[in-house]
């Protein structure tokens, strides 16, 4: 029974005494936040230094490179569009040829069918 009373007393004192535990957590959180802010500050400082070290000539060169790449991409896109247009024109030409040949063949078959029909009518008389 003495052990139980002692254990209950220990548990009660732990439950009621939150100060050290919560203070430790706050300190740890404060250290984490401080480290995070320090790292963020270093990143911002490094980025600012890099931007300041970039001269206007570097920026002009980079812009020139970007413009050249965009020009090349535009040229490639125009060539692709031209090929697609040529392909569509070729398809249209072939379609017209097939339609013309089909119409001619249908006309020939119709004419032959009419001749055969006339021949059959002559035989039935």
PDB file of N, CA and C in Angstrom:
ATOM      1  N   UNK A   1       0.812  -1.179   0.000  1.00  0.00           N
ATOM      2  CA  UNK A   1       0.000   0.000   0.000  1.00  0.00           C
ATOM      3  C   UNK A   1       0.869   1.261   0.000  1.00  0.00           C
ATOM      4  N   UNK A   2       1.980   1.181   0.682  1.00  0.00           N
ATOM      5  CA  UNK A   2       2.892   2.321   0.695  1.00  0.00           C
ATOM      6  C   UNK A   2       3.427   2.613  -0.711  1.00  0.00           C
ATOM      7  N   UNK A   3       3.691   1.535  -1.472  1.00  0.00           N
ATOM      8  CA  UNK A   3       4.189   1.724  -2.843  1.00  0.00           C
ATOM      9  C   UNK A   3       3.135   2.416  -3.700  1.00  0.00           C
ATOM     10  N   UNK A   4       1.892   2.026  -3.524  1.00  0.00           N
ATOM     11  CA  UNK A   4       0.814   2.615  -4.317  1.00  0.00           C
ATOM     12  C   UNK A   4       0.691   4.091  -3.974  1.00  0.00           C
ATOM     13  N   UNK A   5       0.733   4.420  -2.680  1.00  0.00           N
ATOM     14  CA  UNK A   5       0.628   5.820  -2.268  1.00  0.00           C
ATOM     15  C   UNK A   5       1.794   6.624  -2.830  1.00  0.00           C
ATOM     16  N   UNK A   6       2.975   6.035  -2.785  1.00  0.00           N
ATOM     17  CA  UNK A   6       4.156   6.731  -3.319  1.00  0.00           C
ATOM     18  C   UNK A   6       4.018   6.943  -4.826  1.00  0.00           C
ATOM     19  N   UNK A   7       3.563   5.915  -5.562  1.00  0.00           N
ATOM     20  CA  UNK A   7       3.367   6.035  -7.011  1.00  0.00           C
ATOM     21  C   UNK A   7       2.315   7.085  -7.338  1.00  0.00           C
ATOM     22  N   UNK A   8       1.210   7.085  -6.578  1.00  0.00           N
ATOM     23  CA  UNK A   8       0.156   8.079  -6.811  1.00  0.00           C
ATOM     24  C   UNK A   8       0.710   9.473  -6.561  1.00  0.00           C
ATOM     25  N   UNK A   9       1.511   9.615  -5.521  1.00  0.00           N
ATOM     26  CA  UNK A   9       2.120  10.915  -5.227  1.00  0.00           C
ATOM     27  C   UNK A   9       3.048  11.363  -6.339  1.00  0.00           C
ATOM     28  N   UNK A  10       3.844  10.436  -6.866  1.00  0.00           N
ATOM     29  CA  UNK A  10       4.741  10.772  -7.983  1.00  0.00           C
ATOM     30  C   UNK A  10       3.946  11.197  -9.220  1.00  0.00           C
ATOM     31  N   UNK A  11       2.917  10.428  -9.499  1.00  0.00           N
ATOM     32  CA  UNK A  11       2.090  10.746 -10.678  1.00  0.00           C
ATOM     33  C   UNK A  11       1.433  12.104 -10.499  1.00  0.00           C
ATOM     34  N   UNK A  12       0.904  12.357  -9.284  1.00  0.00           N
ATOM     35  CA  UNK A  12       0.246  13.627  -9.017  1.00  0.00           C
ATOM     36  C   UNK A  12       1.230  14.794  -9.156  1.00  0.00           C
ATOM     37  N   UNK A  13       2.430  14.619  -8.675  1.00  0.00           N
ATOM     38  CA  UNK A  13       3.403  15.719  -8.762  1.00  0.00           C
ATOM     39  C   UNK A  13       3.811  15.967 -10.208  1.00  0.00           C
ATOM     40  N   UNK A  14       3.905  14.916 -10.996  1.00  0.00           N
ATOM     41  CA  UNK A  14       4.239  15.087 -12.424  1.00  0.00           C
ATOM     42  C   UNK A  14       3.115  15.791 -13.166  1.00  0.00           C
ATOM     43  N   UNK A  15       1.887  15.393 -12.820  1.00  0.00           N
ATOM     44  CA  UNK A  15       0.747  16.009 -13.505  1.00  0.00           C
ATOM     45  C   UNK A  15       0.594  17.477 -13.153  1.00  0.00           C
ATOM     46  N   UNK A  16       0.856  17.826 -11.940  1.00  0.00           N
ATOM     47  CA  UNK A  16       0.655  19.197 -11.496  1.00  0.00           C
ATOM     48  C   UNK A  16       1.840  20.105 -11.799  1.00  0.00           C
ATOM     49  N   UNK A  17       3.007  19.530 -12.020  1.00  0.00           N
ATOM     50  CA  UNK A  17       4.202  20.346 -12.247  1.00  0.00           C
ATOM     51  C   UNK A  17       4.551  20.346 -13.734  1.00  0.00           C
ATOM     52  N   UNK A  18       3.928  21.239 -14.472  1.00  0.00           N
ATOM     53  CA  UNK A  18       4.165  21.309 -15.925  1.00  0.00           C
ATOM     54  C   UNK A  18       5.235  22.307 -16.296  1.00  0.00           C
ATOM     55  N   UNK A  19       5.613  23.131 -15.415  1.00  0.00           N
ATOM     56  CA  UNK A  19       6.519  24.220 -15.748  1.00  0.00           C
ATOM     57  C   UNK A  19       7.801  23.784 -16.426  1.00  0.00           C
ATOM     58  N   UNK A  20       8.578  22.907 -15.846  1.00  0.00           N
ATOM     59  CA  UNK A  20       9.846  22.584 -16.481  1.00  0.00           C
ATOM     60  C   UNK A  20       9.671  21.967 -17.861  1.00  0.00           C
ATOM     61  N   UNK A  21       8.696  21.098 -18.010  1.00  0.00           N
ATOM     62  CA  UNK A  21       8.481  20.428 -19.287  1.00  0.00           C
ATOM     63  C   UNK A  21       8.068  21.437 -20.362  1.00  0.00           C
ATOM     64  N   UNK A  22       7.117  22.302 -20.060  1.00  0.00           N
ATOM     65  CA  UNK A  22       6.664  23.262 -21.063  1.00  0.00           C
ATOM     66  C   UNK A  22       7.753  24.288 -21.364  1.00  0.00           C
ATOM     67  N   UNK A  23       8.549  24.644 -20.389  1.00  0.00           N
ATOM     68  CA  UNK A  23       9.647  25.574 -20.633  1.00  0.00           C
ATOM     69  C   UNK A  23      10.686  24.943 -21.546  1.00  0.00           C
ATOM     70  N   UNK A  24      10.960  23.654 -21.329  1.00  0.00           N
ATOM     71  CA  UNK A  24      11.931  22.952 -22.183  1.00  0.00           C
ATOM     72  C   UNK A  24      11.425  22.918 -23.621  1.00  0.00           C
ATOM     73  N   UNK A  25      10.133  22.656 -23.784  1.00  0.00           N
ATOM     74  CA  UNK A  25       9.567  22.611 -25.134  1.00  0.00           C
ATOM     75  C   UNK A  25       9.659  23.970 -25.802  1.00  0.00           C
ATOM     76  N   UNK A  26       9.364  25.017 -25.047  1.00  0.00           N
ATOM     77  CA  UNK A  26       9.455  26.362 -25.608  1.00  0.00           C
ATOM     78  C   UNK A  26      10.885  26.695 -26.010  1.00  0.00           C
ATOM     79  N   UNK A  27      11.822  26.290 -25.186  1.00  0.00           N
ATOM     80  CA  UNK A  27      13.229  26.555 -25.514  1.00  0.00           C
ATOM     81  C   UNK A  27      13.638  25.806 -26.777  1.00  0.00           C
ATOM     82  N   UNK A  28      13.230  24.537 -26.870  1.00  0.00           N
ATOM     83  CA  UNK A  28      13.571  23.757 -28.073  1.00  0.00           C
ATOM     84  C   UNK A  28      12.927  24.379 -29.308  1.00  0.00           C
ATOM     85  N   UNK A  29      11.661  24.761 -29.192  1.00  0.00           N
ATOM     86  CA  UNK A  29      10.967  25.378 -30.317  1.00  0.00           C
ATOM     87  C   UNK A  29      11.657  26.683 -30.697  1.00  0.00           C
ATOM     88  N   UNK A  30      12.052  27.441 -29.688  1.00  0.00           N
ATOM     89  CA  UNK A  30      12.751  28.698 -29.942  1.00  0.00           C
ATOM     90  C   UNK A  30      14.063  28.475 -30.672  1.00  0.00           C
ATOM     91  N   UNK A  31      14.795  27.428 -30.296  1.00  0.00           N
ATOM     92  CA  UNK A  31      16.061  27.116 -30.983  1.00  0.00           C
ATOM     93  C   UNK A  31      15.806  26.695 -32.429  1.00  0.00           C
ATOM     94  N   UNK A  32      14.779  25.879 -32.639  1.00  0.00           N
ATOM     95  CA  UNK A  32      14.453  25.450 -34.012  1.00  0.00           C
ATOM     96  C   UNK A  32      14.075  26.645 -34.869  1.00  0.00           C
ATOM     97  N   UNK A  33      13.215  27.498 -34.328  1.00  0.00           N
ATOM     98  CA  UNK A  33      12.793  28.681 -35.085  1.00  0.00           C
ATOM     99  C   UNK A  33      13.973  29.600 -35.350  1.00  0.00           C
ATOM    100  N   UNK A  34      14.848  29.724 -34.373  1.00  0.00           N
ATOM    101  CA  UNK A  34      16.025  30.569 -34.546  1.00  0.00           C
ATOM    102  C   UNK A  34      16.922  30.027 -35.653  1.00  0.00           C
ATOM    103  N   UNK A  35      17.143  28.709 -35.654  1.00  0.00           N
ATOM    104  CA  UNK A  35      17.969  28.093 -36.713  1.00  0.00           C
ATOM    105  C   UNK A  35      17.314  28.268 -38.077  1.00  0.00           C
ATOM    106  N   UNK A  36      16.002  28.074 -38.119  1.00  0.00           N
ATOM    107  CA  UNK A  36      15.286  28.227 -39.381  1.00  0.00           C
ATOM    108  C   UNK A  36      15.417  29.657 -39.907  1.00  0.00           C
ATOM    109  N   UNK A  37      15.241  30.632 -39.027  1.00  0.00           N
ATOM    110  CA  UNK A  37      15.379  32.023 -39.447  1.00  0.00           C
ATOM    111  C   UNK A  37      16.807  32.348 -39.867  1.00  0.00           C
ATOM    112  N   UNK A  38      17.789  31.780 -39.163  1.00  0.00           N
ATOM    113  CA  UNK A  38      19.187  32.005 -39.557  1.00  0.00           C
ATOM    114  C   UNK A  38      19.459  31.445 -40.951  1.00  0.00           C
ATOM    115  N   UNK A  39      18.966  30.232 -41.216  1.00  0.00           N
ATOM    116  CA  UNK A  39      19.155  29.623 -42.544  1.00  0.00           C
ATOM    117  C   UNK A  39      18.472  30.446 -43.623  1.00  0.00           C
ATOM    118  N   UNK A  40      17.271  30.917 -43.326  1.00  0.00           N
ATOM    119  CA  UNK A  40      16.548  31.736 -44.290  1.00  0.00           C
ATOM    120  C   UNK A  40      17.286  33.049 -44.546  1.00  0.00           C
ATOM    121  N   UNK A  41      17.809  33.640 -43.495  1.00  0.00           N
ATOM    122  CA  UNK A  41      18.568  34.884 -43.628  1.00  0.00           C
ATOM    123  C   UNK A  41      19.816  34.667 -44.479  1.00  0.00           C
ATOM    124  N   UNK A  42      20.501  33.535 -44.275  1.00  0.00           N
ATOM    125  CA  UNK A  42      21.688  33.232 -45.091  1.00  0.00           C
ATOM    126  C   UNK A  42      21.317  33.106 -46.561  1.00  0.00           C
ATOM    127  N   UNK A  43      20.202  32.405 -46.837  1.00  0.00           N
ATOM    128  CA  UNK A  43      19.770  32.231 -48.226  1.00  0.00           C
ATOM    129  C   UNK A  43      19.471  33.569 -48.885  1.00  0.00           C
ATOM    130  N   UNK A  44      18.768  34.420 -48.179  1.00  0.00           N
ATOM    131  CA  UNK A  44      18.429  35.737 -48.732  1.00  0.00           C
ATOM    132  C   UNK A  44      19.690  36.552 -48.970  1.00  0.00           C
ATOM    133  N   UNK A  45      20.604  36.511 -48.024  1.00  0.00           N
ATOM    134  CA  UNK A  45      21.859  37.258 -48.169  1.00  0.00           C
ATOM    135  C   UNK A  45      22.649  36.762 -49.374  1.00  0.00           C
ATOM    136  N   UNK A  46      22.767  35.440 -49.529  1.00  0.00           N
ATOM    137  CA  UNK A  46      23.500  34.882 -50.669  1.00  0.00           C
ATOM    138  C   UNK A  46      22.848  35.280 -51.989  1.00  0.00           C
ATOM    139  N   UNK A  47      21.521  35.223 -52.039  1.00  0.00           N
ATOM    140  CA  UNK A  47      20.812  35.598 -53.263  1.00  0.00           C
ATOM    141  C   UNK A  47      21.035  37.067 -53.585  1.00  0.00           C
ATOM    142  N   UNK A  48      20.955  37.902 -52.586  1.00  0.00           N
ATOM    143  CA  UNK A  48      21.200  39.335 -52.811  1.00  0.00           C
ATOM    144  C   UNK A  48      22.618  39.583 -53.318  1.00  0.00           C
ATOM    145  N   UNK A  49      23.587  38.888 -52.745  1.00  0.00           N
ATOM    146  CA  UNK A  49      24.972  39.047 -53.191  1.00  0.00           C
ATOM    147  C   UNK A  49      25.129  38.609 -54.642  1.00  0.00           C
ATOM    148  N   UNK A  50      24.495  37.502 -54.992  1.00  0.00           N
ATOM    149  CA  UNK A  50      24.594  37.017 -56.368  1.00  0.00           C
ATOM    150  C   UNK A  50      23.973  38.021 -57.335  1.00  0.00           C
ATOM    151  N   UNK A  51      22.830  38.591 -56.938  1.00  0.00           N
ATOM    152  CA  UNK A  51      22.177  39.562 -57.816  1.00  0.00           C
ATOM    153  C   UNK A  51      23.004  40.835 -57.940  1.00  0.00           C
ATOM    154  N   UNK A  52      23.622  41.251 -56.853  1.00  0.00           N
ATOM    155  CA  UNK A  52      24.431  42.460 -56.902  1.00  0.00           C
ATOM    156  C   UNK A  52      25.694  42.249 -57.718  1.00  0.00           C
ATOM    157  N   UNK A  53      26.215  41.026 -57.675  1.00  0.00           N
ATOM    158  CA  UNK A  53      27.428  40.734 -58.436  1.00  0.00           C
ATOM    159  C   UNK A  53      27.155  40.629 -59.933  1.00  0.00           C
ATOM    160  N   UNK A  54      25.895  40.366 -60.285  1.00  0.00           N
ATOM    161  CA  UNK A  54      25.555  40.299 -61.702  1.00  0.00           C
ATOM    162  C   UNK A  54      25.580  41.703 -62.274  1.00  0.00           C
ATOM    163  N   UNK A  55      26.374  41.869 -63.256  1.00  0.00           N
ATOM    164  CA  UNK A  55      26.463  43.192 -63.877  1.00  0.00           C
ATOM    165  C   UNK A  55      25.374  43.322 -64.931  1.00  0.00           C
ATOM    166  N   UNK A  56      25.174  44.523 -65.362  1.00  0.00           N
ATOM    167  CA  UNK A  56      24.176  44.748 -66.398  1.00  0.00           C
ATOM    168  C   UNK A  56      24.585  44.053 -67.690  1.00  0.00           C
ATOM    169  N   UNK A  57      25.888  43.923 -67.917  1.00  0.00           N
ATOM    170  CA  UNK A  57      26.371  43.214 -69.109  1.00  0.00           C
ATOM    171  C   UNK A  57      25.965  41.738 -69.048  1.00  0.00           C
ATOM    172  N   UNK A  58      26.081  41.134 -67.859  1.00  0.00           N
ATOM    173  CA  UNK A  58      25.665  39.736 -67.702  1.00  0.00           C
ATOM    174  C   UNK A  58      24.178  39.588 -67.988  1.00  0.00           C
ATOM    175  N   UNK A  59      23.411  40.516 -67.470  1.00  0.00           N
ATOM    176  CA  UNK A  59      21.965  40.462 -67.676  1.00  0.00           C
ATOM    177  C   UNK A  59      21.641  40.645 -69.156  1.00  0.00           C
ATOM    178  N   UNK A  60      22.329  41.577 -69.831  1.00  0.00           N
ATOM    179  CA  UNK A  60      22.113  41.774 -71.265  1.00  0.00           C
ATOM    180  C   UNK A  60      22.474  40.519 -72.042  1.00  0.00           C
ATOM    181  N   UNK A  61      23.559  39.867 -71.661  1.00  0.00           N
ATOM    182  CA  UNK A  61      23.971  38.639 -72.341  1.00  0.00           C
ATOM    183  C   UNK A  61      22.936  37.535 -72.146  1.00  0.00           C
ATOM    184  N   UNK A  62      22.438  37.420 -70.915  1.00  0.00           N
ATOM    185  CA  UNK A  62      21.423  36.408 -70.649  1.00  0.00           C
ATOM    186  C   UNK A  62      20.154  36.691 -71.441  1.00  0.00           C
ATOM    187  N   UNK A  63      19.737  37.946 -71.492  1.00  0.00           N
ATOM    188  CA  UNK A  63      18.562  38.306 -72.287  1.00  0.00           C
ATOM    189  C   UNK A  63      18.791  38.019 -73.766  1.00  0.00           C
ATOM    190  N   UNK A  64      19.986  38.302 -74.238  1.00  0.00           N
ATOM    191  CA  UNK A  64      20.321  38.030 -75.628  1.00  0.00           C
ATOM    192  C   UNK A  64      20.227  36.534 -75.920  1.00  0.00           C
ATOM    193  N   UNK A  65      20.737  35.725 -74.991  1.00  0.00           N
ATOM    194  CA  UNK A  65      20.649  34.269 -75.157  1.00  0.00           C
ATOM    195  C   UNK A  65      19.205  33.805 -75.188  1.00  0.00           C
ATOM    196  N   UNK A  66      18.393  34.359 -74.306  1.00  0.00           N
ATOM    197  CA  UNK A  66      16.976  33.981 -74.259  1.00  0.00           C
ATOM    198  C   UNK A  66      16.279  34.367 -75.558  1.00  0.00           C
ATOM    199  N   UNK A  67      16.571  35.564 -76.062  1.00  0.00           N
ATOM    200  CA  UNK A  67      15.957  36.023 -77.313  1.00  0.00           C
ATOM    201  C   UNK A  67      16.387  35.126 -78.474  1.00  0.00           C
ATOM    202  N   UNK A  68      17.649  34.727 -78.495  1.00  0.00           N
ATOM    203  CA  UNK A  68      18.130  33.841 -79.554  1.00  0.00           C
ATOM    204  C   UNK A  68      17.420  32.490 -79.489  1.00  0.00           C
ATOM    205  N   UNK A  69      17.250  31.970 -78.283  1.00  0.00           N
ATOM    206  CA  UNK A  69      16.553  30.679 -78.129  1.00  0.00           C
ATOM    207  C   UNK A  69      15.101  30.790 -78.566  1.00  0.00           C
ATOM    208  N   UNK A  70      14.461  31.899 -78.198  1.00  0.00           N
ATOM    209  CA  UNK A  70      13.073  32.103 -78.612  1.00  0.00           C
ATOM    210  C   UNK A  70      12.967  32.224 -80.128  1.00  0.00           C
ATOM    211  N   UNK A  71      13.929  32.889 -80.744  1.00  0.00           N
ATOM    212  CA  UNK A  71      13.928  33.001 -82.201  1.00  0.00           C
ATOM    213  C   UNK A  71      14.068  31.643 -82.868  1.00  0.00           C
ATOM    214  N   UNK A  72      14.965  30.813 -82.327  1.00  0.00           N
ATOM    215  CA  UNK A  72      15.141  29.467 -82.879  1.00  0.00           C
ATOM    216  C   UNK A  72      13.877  28.640 -82.703  1.00  0.00           C
ATOM    217  N   UNK A  73      13.263  28.744 -81.540  1.00  0.00           N
ATOM    218  CA  UNK A  73      12.019  27.993 -81.285  1.00  0.00           C
ATOM    219  C   UNK A  73      10.910  28.467 -82.220  1.00  0.00           C
ATOM    220  N   UNK A  74      10.855  29.761 -82.464  1.00  0.00           N
ATOM    221  CA  UNK A  74       9.855  30.311 -83.376  1.00  0.00           C
ATOM    222  C   UNK A  74      10.084  29.805 -84.797  1.00  0.00           C
ATOM    223  N   UNK A  75      11.339  29.748 -85.213  1.00  0.00           N
ATOM    224  CA  UNK A  75      11.670  29.239 -86.545  1.00  0.00           C
ATOM    225  C   UNK A  75      11.238  27.782 -86.695  1.00  0.00           C
ATOM    226  N   UNK A  76      11.525  26.976 -85.684  1.00  0.00           N
ATOM    227  CA  UNK A  76      11.129  25.558 -85.717  1.00  0.00           C
ATOM    228  C   UNK A  76       9.612  25.440 -85.791  1.00  0.00           C
ATOM    229  N   UNK A  77       8.904  26.253 -85.008  1.00  0.00           N
ATOM    230  CA  UNK A  77       7.439  26.204 -85.019  1.00  0.00           C
ATOM    231  C   UNK A  77       6.890  26.582 -86.394  1.00  0.00           C
ATOM    232  N   UNK A  78       7.495  27.581 -87.045  1.00  0.00           N
ATOM    233  CA  UNK A  78       7.051  27.982 -88.378  1.00  0.00           C
ATOM    234  C   UNK A  78       7.282  26.864 -89.391  1.00  0.00           C
ATOM    235  N   UNK A  79       8.425  26.185 -89.283  1.00  0.00           N
ATOM    236  CA  UNK A  79       8.702  25.065 -90.200  1.00  0.00           C
ATOM    237  C   UNK A  79       7.690  23.950 -90.005  1.00  0.00           C
ATOM    238  N   UNK A  80       7.342  23.676 -88.755  1.00  0.00           N
ATOM    239  CA  UNK A  80       6.350  22.624 -88.484  1.00  0.00           C
ATOM    240  C   UNK A  80       5.002  23.015 -89.070  1.00  0.00           C
ATOM    241  N   UNK A  81       4.599  24.283 -88.895  1.00  0.00           N
ATOM    242  CA  UNK A  81       3.332  24.740 -89.459  1.00  0.00           C
ATOM    243  C   UNK A  81       3.336  24.638 -90.975  1.00  0.00           C
ATOM    244  N   UNK A  82       4.464  24.981 -91.591  1.00  0.00           N
ATOM    245  CA  UNK A  82       4.566  24.913 -93.049  1.00  0.00           C
ATOM    246  C   UNK A  82       4.424  23.467 -93.525  1.00  0.00           C
ATOM    247  N   UNK A  83       5.091  22.540 -92.834  1.00  0.00           N
ATOM    248  CA  UNK A  83       4.978  21.123 -93.209  1.00  0.00           C
ATOM    249  C   UNK A  83       3.546  20.623 -93.045  1.00  0.00           C
ATOM    250  N   UNK A  84       2.883  21.043 -91.967  1.00  0.00           N
ATOM    251  CA  UNK A  84       1.499  20.623 -91.759  1.00  0.00           C
ATOM    252  C   UNK A  84       0.601  21.166 -92.867  1.00  0.00           C
ATOM    253  N   UNK A  85       0.822  22.411 -93.258  1.00  0.00           N
ATOM    254  CA  UNK A  85       0.034  23.008 -94.324  1.00  0.00           C
ATOM    255  C   UNK A  85       0.269  22.264 -95.640  1.00  0.00           C
ATOM    256  N   UNK A  86       1.527  21.962 -95.936  1.00  0.00           N
ATOM    257  CA  UNK A  86       1.839  21.201 -97.157  1.00  0.00           C
ATOM    258  C   UNK A  86       1.184  19.820 -97.115  1.00  0.00           C
ATOM    259  N   UNK A  87       1.202  19.196 -95.937  1.00  0.00           N
ATOM    260  CA  UNK A  87       0.570  17.878 -95.799  1.00  0.00           C
ATOM    261  C   UNK A  87      -0.932  17.960 -96.012  1.00  0.00           C
ATOM    262  N   UNK A  88      -1.554  19.014 -95.490  1.00  0.00           N
ATOM    263  CA  UNK A  88      -2.992  19.186 -95.680  1.00  0.00           C
ATOM    264  C   UNK A  88      -3.315  19.439 -97.147  1.00  0.00           C
ATOM    265  N   UNK A  89      -2.467  20.227 -97.832  1.00  0.00           N
ATOM    266  CA  UNK A  89      -2.690  20.490 -99.253  1.00  0.00           C
ATOM    267  C   UNK A  89      -2.538  19.204-100.065  1.00  0.00           C
ATOM    268  N   UNK A  90      -1.547  18.396 -99.702  1.00  0.00           N
ATOM    269  CA  UNK A  90      -1.337  17.117-100.403  1.00  0.00           C
ATOM    270  C   UNK A  90      -2.530  16.186-100.170  1.00  0.00           C
ATOM    271  N   UNK A  91      -3.029  16.148 -98.933  1.00  0.00           N
ATOM    272  CA  UNK A  91      -4.201  15.317 -98.648  1.00  0.00           C
ATOM    273  C   UNK A  91      -5.404  15.783 -99.448  1.00  0.00           C
ATOM    274  N   UNK A  92      -5.596  17.093 -99.551  1.00  0.00           N
ATOM    275  CA  UNK A  92      -6.720  17.631-100.323  1.00  0.00           C
ATOM    276  C   UNK A  92      -6.585  17.260-101.797  1.00  0.00           C
ATOM    277  N   UNK A  93      -5.356  17.362-102.342  1.00  0.00           N
ATOM    278  CA  UNK A  93      -5.135  17.006-103.749  1.00  0.00           C
ATOM    279  C   UNK A  93      -5.443  15.532-103.982  1.00  0.00           C
ATOM    280  N   UNK A  94      -4.955  14.673-103.079  1.00  0.00           N
ATOM    281  CA  UNK A  94      -5.215  13.234-103.229  1.00  0.00           C
ATOM    282  C   UNK A  94      -6.692  12.919-103.095  1.00  0.00           C
ATOM    283  N   UNK A  95      -7.370  13.620-102.183  1.00  0.00           N
ATOM    284  CA  UNK A  95      -8.811  13.410-102.011  1.00  0.00           C
ATOM    285  C   UNK A  95      -9.551  13.775-103.294  1.00  0.00           C
ATOM    286  N   UNK A  96      -9.158  14.893-103.905  1.00  0.00           N
ATOM    287  CA  UNK A  96      -9.800  15.319-105.148  1.00  0.00           C
ATOM    288  C   UNK A  96      -9.554  14.300-106.259  1.00  0.00           C
ATOM    289  N   UNK A  97      -8.336  13.749-106.326  1.00  0.00           N
ATOM    290  CA  UNK A  97      -8.031  12.723-107.332  1.00  0.00           C
ATOM    291  C   UNK A  97      -8.899  11.493-107.120  1.00  0.00           C
ATOM    292  N   UNK A  98      -8.996  11.047-105.870  1.00  0.00           N
ATOM    293  CA  UNK A  98      -9.804   9.859-105.564  1.00  0.00           C
ATOM    294  C   UNK A  98     -11.270  10.128-105.872  1.00  0.00           C
ATOM    295  N   UNK A  99     -11.766  11.314-105.510  1.00  0.00           N
ATOM    296  CA  UNK A  99     -13.163  11.644-105.797  1.00  0.00           C
ATOM    297  C   UNK A  99     -13.424  11.664-107.296  1.00  0.00           C
ATOM    298  N   UNK A 100     -12.474  12.240-108.046  1.00  0.00           N
ATOM    299  CA  UNK A 100     -12.623  12.299-109.500  1.00  0.00           C
ATOM    300  C   UNK A 100     -12.614  10.895-110.103  1.00  0.00           C
ATOM    301  N   UNK A 101     -11.686  10.080-109.652  1.00  0.00           N
ATOM    302  CA  UNK A 101     -11.609   8.709-110.162  1.00  0.00           C
ATOM    303  C   UNK A 101     -12.868   7.924-109.780  1.00  0.00           C
ATOM    304  N   UNK A 102     -13.352   8.162-108.589  1.00  0.00           N
ATOM    305  CA  UNK A 102     -14.565   7.477-108.139  1.00  0.00           C
ATOM    306  C   UNK A 102     -15.758   7.882-108.998  1.00  0.00           C
ATOM    307  N   UNK A 103     -15.881   9.181-109.266  1.00  0.00           N
ATOM    308  CA  UNK A 103     -16.994   9.671-110.080  1.00  0.00           C
ATOM    309  C   UNK A 103     -16.905   9.098-111.495  1.00  0.00           C
ATOM    310  N   UNK A 104     -15.699   9.035-112.038  1.00  0.00           N
ATOM    311  CA  UNK A 104     -15.510   8.487-113.387  1.00  0.00           C
ATOM    312  C   UNK A 104     -15.891   7.003-113.422  1.00  0.00           C
ATOM    313  N   UNK A 105     -15.453   6.264-112.405  1.00  0.00           N
ATOM    314  CA  UNK A 105     -15.748   4.829-112.342  1.00  0.00           C
ATOM    315  C   UNK A 105     -17.253   4.600-112.168  1.00  0.00           C
ATOM    316  N   UNK A 106     -17.890   5.398-111.314  1.00  0.00           N
ATOM    317  CA  UNK A 106     -19.339   5.272-111.121  1.00  0.00           C
ATOM    318  C   UNK A 106     -20.058   5.565-112.436  1.00  0.00           C
ATOM    319  N   UNK A 107     -19.581   6.576-113.153  1.00  0.00           N
ATOM    320  CA  UNK A 107     -20.185   6.899-114.463  1.00  0.00           C
ATOM    321  C   UNK A 107     -20.037   5.742-115.443  1.00  0.00           C
ATOM    322  N   UNK A 108     -18.862   5.134-115.500  1.00  0.00           N
ATOM    323  CA  UNK A 108     -18.635   4.004-116.407  1.00  0.00           C
ATOM    324  C   UNK A 108     -19.526   2.820-116.041  1.00  0.00           C
ATOM    325  N   UNK A 109     -19.601   2.545-114.738  1.00  0.00           N
ATOM    326  CA  UNK A 109     -20.423   1.411-114.294  1.00  0.00           C
ATOM    327  C   UNK A 109     -21.894   1.683-114.586  1.00  0.00           C
ATOM    328  N   UNK A 110     -22.321   2.915-114.358  1.00  0.00           N
ATOM    329  CA  UNK A 110     -23.725   3.260-114.643  1.00  0.00           C
ATOM    330  C   UNK A 110     -24.026   3.106-116.128  1.00  0.00           C
ATOM    331  N   UNK A 111     -23.090   3.572-116.965  1.00  0.00           N
ATOM    332  CA  UNK A 111     -23.295   3.457-118.408  1.00  0.00           C
ATOM    333  C   UNK A 111     -23.360   1.984-118.819  1.00  0.00           C
ATOM    334  N   UNK A 112     -22.454   1.189-118.281  1.00  0.00           N
ATOM    335  CA  UNK A 112     -22.457  -0.243-118.617  1.00  0.00           C
ATOM    336  C   UNK A 112     -23.732  -0.913-118.118  1.00  0.00           C
ATOM    337  N   UNK A 113     -24.184  -0.531-116.915  1.00  0.00           N
ATOM    338  CA  UNK A 113     -25.412  -1.094-116.359  1.00  0.00           C
ATOM    339  C   UNK A 113     -26.610  -0.743-117.228  1.00  0.00           C
ATOM    340  N   UNK A 114     -26.643   0.526-117.713  1.00  0.00           N
ATOM    341  CA  UNK A 114     -27.743   0.936-118.584  1.00  0.00           C
ATOM    342  C   UNK A 114     -27.735   0.150-119.888  1.00  0.00           C
ATOM    343  N   UNK A 115     -26.535  -0.108-120.450  1.00  0.00           N
ATOM    344  CA  UNK A 115     -26.428  -0.905-121.668  1.00  0.00           C
ATOM    345  C   UNK A 115     -26.936  -2.322-121.431  1.00  0.00           C
ATOM    346  N   UNK A 116     -26.528  -2.889-120.292  1.00  0.00           N
ATOM    347  CA  UNK A 116     -26.974  -4.250-119.971  1.00  0.00           C
ATOM    348  C   UNK A 116     -28.485  -4.280-119.755  1.00  0.00           C
ATOM    349  N   UNK A 117     -29.043  -3.249-119.189  1.00  0.00           N
ATOM    350  CA  UNK A 117     -30.478  -3.181-118.949  1.00  0.00           C
ATOM    351  C   UNK A 117     -31.229  -3.127-120.280  1.00  0.00           C
ATOM    352  N   UNK A 118     -30.668  -2.319-121.218  1.00  0.00           N
ATOM    353  CA  UNK A 118     -31.284  -2.237-122.539  1.00  0.00           C
ATOM    354  C   UNK A 118     -31.216  -3.582-123.255  1.00  0.00           C
ATOM    355  N   UNK A 119     -30.061  -4.265-123.139  1.00  0.00           N
ATOM    356  CA  UNK A 119     -29.917  -5.576-123.758  1.00  0.00           C
ATOM    357  C   UNK A 119     -30.911  -6.568-123.195  1.00  0.00           C
ATOM    358  N   UNK A 120     -31.119  -6.510-121.880  1.00  0.00           N
ATOM    359  CA  UNK A 120     -32.103  -7.416-121.245  1.00  0.00           C
ATOM    360  C   UNK A 120     -33.523  -7.098-121.724  1.00  0.00           C
ATOM    361  N   UNK A 121     -33.805  -5.818-121.857  1.00  0.00           N
ATOM    362  CA  UNK A 121     -35.154  -5.421-122.322  1.00  0.00           C
ATOM    363  C   UNK A 121     -35.386  -5.918-123.743  1.00  0.00           C
ATOM    364  N   UNK A 122     -34.339  -5.903-124.579  1.00  0.00           N
ATOM    365  CA  UNK A 122     -34.460  -6.390-125.956  1.00  0.00           C
ATOM    366  C   UNK A 122     -34.747  -7.890-125.978  1.00  0.00           C
ATOM    367  N   UNK A 123     -34.119  -8.617-125.061  1.00  0.00           N
ATOM    368  CA  UNK A 123     -34.319 -10.046-124.996  1.00  0.00           C
ATOM    369  C   UNK A 123     -35.704 -10.414-124.474  1.00  0.00           C
ATOM    370  N   UNK A 124     -36.291  -9.622-123.655  1.00  0.00           N
ATOM    371  CA  UNK A 124     -37.596  -9.904-123.055  1.00  0.00           C
ATOM    372  C   UNK A 124     -38.743  -9.624-124.016  1.00  0.00           C
ATOM    373  N   UNK A 125     -38.518  -8.903-125.027  1.00  0.00           N
ATOM    374  CA  UNK A 125     -39.594  -8.520-125.936  1.00  0.00           C
ATOM    375  C   UNK A 125     -40.041  -9.659-126.754  1.00  0.00           C
TER     376      UNK A 125
END
